[in-house]
Amino acid sequence: MPPRMKFGIFLAPFHWLGENPTLGLERDLETVQWLDHLGYDEAWIGEHHSAGW
């Protein structure tokens, strides 16, 4: 039997200006937990060093 296809996701680091960064990160981590529950194999979260903080 051939190996199963693996699935992953890239989450862009887009958070609204003025949003609490901790809340944005917690929301991203909650999304990753759901993806794990759904059987995804990996998740990547990008870095964005030029955001309008």
N, C-alpha and C. Protein backbone atom coordinates (compact mmCIF):
# COMPACT_ATOMS: atom_id res chain seq x y z
N MET A 1 0.85 -1.17 0.00
CA MET A 1 0.00 0.00 0.00
C MET A 1 0.90 1.24 0.00
N PRO A 2 0.62 2.24 -0.84
CA PRO A 2 1.44 3.45 -0.86
C PRO A 2 1.22 4.26 0.42
N PRO A 3 2.21 5.06 0.80
CA PRO A 3 2.04 5.90 1.99
C PRO A 3 0.92 6.91 1.79
N ARG A 4 0.26 7.24 2.87
CA ARG A 4 -0.85 8.20 2.78
C ARG A 4 -0.33 9.61 2.54
N MET A 5 -1.14 10.41 1.90
CA MET A 5 -0.80 11.80 1.66
C MET A 5 -0.87 12.55 2.98
N LYS A 6 0.10 13.41 3.22
CA LYS A 6 0.10 14.22 4.44
C LYS A 6 -0.45 15.61 4.13
N PHE A 7 -1.05 16.21 5.14
CA PHE A 7 -1.65 17.53 4.98
C PHE A 7 -1.08 18.49 6.00
N GLY A 8 -0.91 19.72 5.58
CA GLY A 8 -0.43 20.77 6.45
C GLY A 8 -1.06 22.09 6.05
N ILE A 9 -0.75 23.11 6.83
CA ILE A 9 -1.30 24.44 6.56
C ILE A 9 -0.25 25.49 6.93
N PHE A 10 -0.26 26.59 6.21
CA PHE A 10 0.55 27.76 6.55
C PHE A 10 -0.40 28.85 7.00
N LEU A 11 -0.22 29.31 8.21
CA LEU A 11 -1.04 30.41 8.73
C LEU A 11 -0.26 31.71 8.57
N ALA A 12 -0.80 32.61 7.80
CA ALA A 12 -0.17 33.92 7.65
C ALA A 12 -0.35 34.70 8.95
N PRO A 13 0.66 35.45 9.35
CA PRO A 13 0.59 36.17 10.62
C PRO A 13 -0.18 37.48 10.51
N PHE A 14 -1.42 37.41 10.06
CA PHE A 14 -2.21 38.62 9.89
C PHE A 14 -3.09 38.83 11.12
N HIS A 15 -2.85 39.92 11.81
CA HIS A 15 -3.69 40.31 12.95
C HIS A 15 -4.03 41.79 12.77
N TRP A 16 -5.22 42.15 13.17
CA TRP A 16 -5.69 43.52 12.98
C TRP A 16 -4.83 44.50 13.77
N LEU A 17 -4.62 45.69 13.19
CA LEU A 17 -3.91 46.75 13.91
C LEU A 17 -4.68 47.07 15.19
N GLY A 18 -3.97 47.23 16.27
CA GLY A 18 -4.60 47.53 17.54
C GLY A 18 -5.06 46.31 18.31
N GLU A 19 -5.03 45.14 17.67
CA GLU A 19 -5.44 43.92 18.36
C GLU A 19 -4.35 43.51 19.34
N ASN A 20 -4.76 43.04 20.49
CA ASN A 20 -3.81 42.54 21.48
C ASN A 20 -3.04 41.37 20.86
N PRO A 21 -1.70 41.46 20.78
CA PRO A 21 -0.93 40.40 20.13
C PRO A 21 -1.09 39.04 20.81
N THR A 22 -1.27 39.04 22.11
CA THR A 22 -1.46 37.78 22.83
C THR A 22 -2.75 37.10 22.38
N LEU A 23 -3.82 37.87 22.22
CA LEU A 23 -5.09 37.30 21.78
C LEU A 23 -4.98 36.76 20.35
N GLY A 24 -4.25 37.46 19.49
CA GLY A 24 -4.06 36.98 18.13
C GLY A 24 -3.30 35.67 18.09
N LEU A 25 -2.26 35.57 18.90
CA LEU A 25 -1.48 34.33 18.96
C LEU A 25 -2.31 33.19 19.54
N GLU A 26 -3.08 33.49 20.58
CA GLU A 26 -3.95 32.45 21.17
C GLU A 26 -4.97 31.95 20.14
N ARG A 27 -5.50 32.84 19.32
CA ARG A 27 -6.44 32.43 18.28
C ARG A 27 -5.75 31.52 17.26
N ASP A 28 -4.52 31.87 16.88
CA ASP A 28 -3.77 31.03 15.95
C ASP A 28 -3.51 29.65 16.56
N LEU A 29 -3.14 29.59 17.82
CA LEU A 29 -2.88 28.31 18.48
C LEU A 29 -4.16 27.48 18.60
N GLU A 30 -5.29 28.13 18.83
CA GLU A 30 -6.57 27.41 18.87
C GLU A 30 -6.87 26.80 17.49
N THR A 31 -6.56 27.55 16.44
CA THR A 31 -6.75 27.02 15.08
C THR A 31 -5.89 25.78 14.87
N VAL A 32 -4.63 25.83 15.32
CA VAL A 32 -3.73 24.69 15.18
C VAL A 32 -4.25 23.48 15.96
N GLN A 33 -4.82 23.71 17.13
CA GLN A 33 -5.39 22.60 17.91
C GLN A 33 -6.54 21.95 17.15
N TRP A 34 -7.38 22.75 16.51
CA TRP A 34 -8.48 22.19 15.71
C TRP A 34 -7.94 21.38 14.54
N LEU A 35 -6.91 21.92 13.89
CA LEU A 35 -6.32 21.21 12.76
C LEU A 35 -5.73 19.87 13.20
N ASP A 36 -5.12 19.84 14.38
CA ASP A 36 -4.60 18.59 14.92
C ASP A 36 -5.74 17.60 15.14
N HIS A 37 -6.83 18.09 15.70
CA HIS A 37 -8.01 17.25 15.93
C HIS A 37 -8.55 16.69 14.61
N LEU A 38 -8.44 17.47 13.54
CA LEU A 38 -8.94 17.05 12.23
C LEU A 38 -7.97 16.13 11.48
N GLY A 39 -6.78 15.92 12.05
CA GLY A 39 -5.84 14.99 11.45
C GLY A 39 -4.74 15.60 10.60
N TYR A 40 -4.59 16.92 10.63
CA TYR A 40 -3.50 17.54 9.88
C TYR A 40 -2.16 17.09 10.47
N ASP A 41 -1.15 17.02 9.63
CA ASP A 41 0.15 16.53 10.04
C ASP A 41 1.08 17.64 10.53
N GLU A 42 0.90 18.84 10.02
CA GLU A 42 1.78 19.92 10.43
C GLU A 42 1.10 21.27 10.20
N ALA A 43 1.59 22.25 10.92
CA ALA A 43 1.12 23.63 10.76
C ALA A 43 2.33 24.55 10.85
N TRP A 44 2.36 25.51 9.98
CA TRP A 44 3.44 26.50 9.97
C TRP A 44 2.81 27.87 10.23
N ILE A 45 3.42 28.63 11.12
CA ILE A 45 2.96 29.99 11.39
C ILE A 45 4.07 30.93 10.95
N GLY A 46 3.75 31.82 10.04
CA GLY A 46 4.76 32.74 9.52
C GLY A 46 5.12 33.82 10.52
N GLU A 47 6.22 34.48 10.23
CA GLU A 47 6.66 35.62 11.03
C GLU A 47 6.51 36.87 10.16
N HIS A 48 6.13 37.94 10.78
CA HIS A 48 5.98 39.18 10.03
C HIS A 48 6.57 40.29 10.87
N HIS A 49 7.80 40.66 10.55
CA HIS A 49 8.54 41.61 11.38
C HIS A 49 8.26 43.07 11.02
N SER A 50 7.48 43.30 9.98
CA SER A 50 7.22 44.69 9.59
C SER A 50 5.75 45.05 9.77
N ALA A 51 5.07 44.34 10.66
CA ALA A 51 3.67 44.66 10.92
C ALA A 51 3.58 46.01 11.63
N GLY A 52 2.44 46.62 11.58
CA GLY A 52 2.27 47.95 12.14
C GLY A 52 2.02 47.97 13.64
N TRP A 53 2.88 47.40 14.42
CA TRP A 53 2.69 47.39 15.88
C TRP A 53 2.85 48.79 16.36
